[in-house]
N, C-alpha and C. Protein backbone atom coordinates (compact mmCIF):
# COMPACT_ATOMS: atom_id res chain seq x y z
N MET A 1 -103.36 114.83 10.12
CA MET A 1 -105.21 116.03 10.24
C MET A 1 -105.11 116.12 11.28
N ALA A 2 -105.03 117.12 12.37
CA ALA A 2 -105.77 117.10 13.73
C ALA A 2 -107.29 117.33 13.26
N LYS A 3 -108.25 116.37 15.08
CA LYS A 3 -110.13 117.69 14.68
C LYS A 3 -109.62 118.23 14.93
N MET A 4 -110.52 118.79 14.45
CA MET A 4 -111.36 120.18 14.09
C MET A 4 -112.37 121.09 14.82
N ARG A 5 -113.25 118.88 15.17
CA ARG A 5 -114.34 119.41 16.25
C ARG A 5 -114.64 118.63 16.93
N ASP A 6 -115.33 118.87 18.79
CA ASP A 6 -115.19 118.17 19.61
C ASP A 6 -116.97 117.47 20.19
N ASP A 7 -117.40 116.15 19.44
CA ASP A 7 -117.96 115.96 20.28
C ASP A 7 -117.73 116.40 21.92
N VAL A 8 -119.99 116.31 22.49
CA VAL A 8 -120.37 116.78 23.18
C VAL A 8 -122.03 116.39 23.51
N ALA A 9 -121.74 116.54 24.98
CA ALA A 9 -123.79 116.36 25.50
C ALA A 9 -124.01 117.53 25.55
N LEU A 10 -125.56 117.45 25.11
CA LEU A 10 -126.51 118.24 25.88
C LEU A 10 -127.18 118.26 27.59
N VAL A 11 -127.64 119.06 28.27
CA VAL A 11 -127.92 118.08 29.42
C VAL A 11 -129.10 119.62 29.85
N CYS A 12 -129.81 118.74 30.00
CA CYS A 12 -131.27 119.85 29.88
C CYS A 12 -130.76 120.86 32.04
N GLU A 13 -131.33 122.03 31.22
CA GLU A 13 -130.84 122.89 32.81
C GLU A 13 -131.92 122.46 34.48
N GLY A 14 -133.17 122.06 33.61
CA GLY A 14 -134.73 121.51 34.38
C GLY A 14 -134.34 120.53 35.17
N CYS A 15 -134.07 118.74 34.92
CA CYS A 15 -134.38 118.37 35.32
C CYS A 15 -132.25 117.07 34.94
N GLY A 16 -131.77 118.22 34.88
CA GLY A 16 -130.32 117.13 34.35
C GLY A 16 -130.08 116.32 33.41
N ARG A 17 -130.79 115.53 32.54
CA ARG A 17 -130.63 114.46 31.62
C ARG A 17 -129.70 114.90 30.58
N ARG A 18 -129.10 114.09 29.93
CA ARG A 18 -128.82 114.26 29.40
C ARG A 18 -129.46 113.73 27.15
N ASN A 19 -130.07 114.96 27.10
CA ASN A 19 -130.81 114.38 25.63
C ASN A 19 -129.89 114.57 24.07
N TYR A 20 -129.13 115.31 24.27
CA TYR A 20 -128.94 115.02 23.00
C TYR A 20 -127.33 115.12 22.61
N MET A 21 -127.26 114.15 21.17
CA MET A 21 -125.49 114.89 21.24
C MET A 21 -124.83 115.57 20.02
N THR A 22 -123.94 116.19 19.91
CA THR A 22 -123.92 117.04 18.68
C THR A 22 -122.26 117.25 19.31
N SER A 23 -121.73 117.74 18.36
CA SER A 23 -119.80 118.62 18.03
C SER A 23 -120.03 119.76 17.73
N ARG A 24 -118.77 120.53 18.35
CA ARG A 24 -119.08 121.96 18.30
C ARG A 24 -117.53 121.78 18.21
N ASP A 25 -117.05 123.37 17.27
CA ASP A 25 -115.34 123.66 17.09
C ASP A 25 -114.99 123.79 17.33
N LEU A 26 -113.97 123.68 18.05
CA LEU A 26 -113.02 123.96 18.67
C LEU A 26 -112.06 125.19 18.91
N LYS A 27 -112.23 125.54 18.02
CA LYS A 27 -112.22 127.56 18.23
C LYS A 27 -112.64 128.13 18.84
N LYS A 28 -113.81 127.84 18.65
CA LYS A 28 -115.08 129.06 19.30
C LYS A 28 -114.42 128.92 21.14
N GLU A 29 -114.56 129.94 21.53
CA GLU A 29 -114.46 129.73 23.17
C GLU A 29 -116.19 130.31 23.90
N GLY A 30 -116.01 129.22 25.07
CA GLY A 30 -117.31 129.09 26.07
C GLY A 30 -117.99 127.88 25.71
N LYS A 31 -118.80 127.24 26.41
CA LYS A 31 -119.74 126.74 26.48
C LYS A 31 -120.71 126.46 25.20
N LEU A 32 -121.49 126.25 25.12
CA LEU A 32 -122.66 126.00 23.64
C LEU A 32 -123.99 125.48 24.77
N HIS A 33 -124.76 126.80 24.31
CA HIS A 33 -126.04 126.82 24.92
C HIS A 33 -127.11 126.64 23.85
N ILE A 34 -128.57 125.65 23.74
CA ILE A 34 -129.30 125.96 23.19
C ILE A 34 -130.24 125.77 23.64
N LYS A 35 -131.06 126.29 23.44
CA LYS A 35 -132.80 125.78 23.51
C LYS A 35 -133.63 125.37 23.28
N LYS A 36 -134.02 123.76 23.73
CA LYS A 36 -133.72 122.79 22.86
C LYS A 36 -135.41 121.61 23.27
N PHE A 37 -136.03 121.47 23.30
CA PHE A 37 -137.37 120.77 23.54
C PHE A 37 -136.80 119.15 24.82
N CYS A 38 -137.08 119.21 25.85
CA CYS A 38 -137.05 117.65 26.96
C CYS A 38 -137.79 117.18 27.25
N ASN A 39 -137.74 115.75 26.50
CA ASN A 39 -139.07 115.27 27.06
C ASN A 39 -139.08 114.87 27.36
N TRP A 40 -138.62 114.57 28.57
CA TRP A 40 -139.03 114.03 30.06
C TRP A 40 -139.70 116.04 30.75
N CYS A 41 -138.98 116.76 31.05
CA CYS A 41 -139.61 118.29 31.42
C CYS A 41 -141.08 118.88 29.94
N ARG A 42 -140.62 118.37 29.26
CA ARG A 42 -142.43 118.34 28.51
C ARG A 42 -142.68 119.20 27.50
N ILE A 43 -140.66 120.26 27.92
CA ILE A 43 -140.89 122.08 27.51
C ILE A 43 -139.70 122.11 26.36
N HIS A 44 -139.54 123.79 26.03
CA HIS A 44 -138.27 123.61 25.44
C HIS A 44 -138.04 124.11 26.41
N VAL A 45 -136.66 124.13 27.32
CA VAL A 45 -135.86 124.70 28.26
C VAL A 45 -134.10 124.56 27.66
N LEU A 46 -133.56 125.56 28.24
CA LEU A 46 -131.78 125.81 27.60
C LEU A 46 -131.00 124.82 27.97
N HIS A 47 -130.80 124.19 27.02
CA HIS A 47 -129.39 122.95 27.38
C HIS A 47 -127.92 123.31 26.86
N LYS A 48 -127.60 122.53 28.20
CA LYS A 48 -126.36 123.19 28.43
C LYS A 48 -124.89 122.40 27.64
N GLU A 49 -123.69 122.49 27.19
CA GLU A 49 -122.68 122.02 26.90
C GLU A 49 -122.17 121.00 28.35
N ALA A 50 -122.08 119.66 27.91
CA ALA A 50 -121.13 119.24 29.21
C ALA A 50 -120.61 118.25 27.96
N LYS A 51 -119.22 117.37 28.70
CA LYS A 51 -118.26 116.39 27.98
C LYS A 51 -119.09 115.23 27.73
N LYS A 52 -118.36 114.77 26.43
CA LYS A 52 -119.01 113.38 26.27
C LYS A 52 -118.73 112.00 27.24
N LYS A 53 -119.78 111.60 27.58
CA LYS A 53 -118.72 110.45 28.58
C LYS A 53 -118.34 109.13 28.09
């Protein structure tokens, strides 16, 4: 059976730290963008998808 989800890290736009891990559907086009809380910036900031290391 084929893998339908991909593990990705979410990187903060402000400080560049990898704060969250999540998975996304492989059928979706484009990168994931979510506004989440960053503990280092101490505010809600846009987080972008990056490949898991």
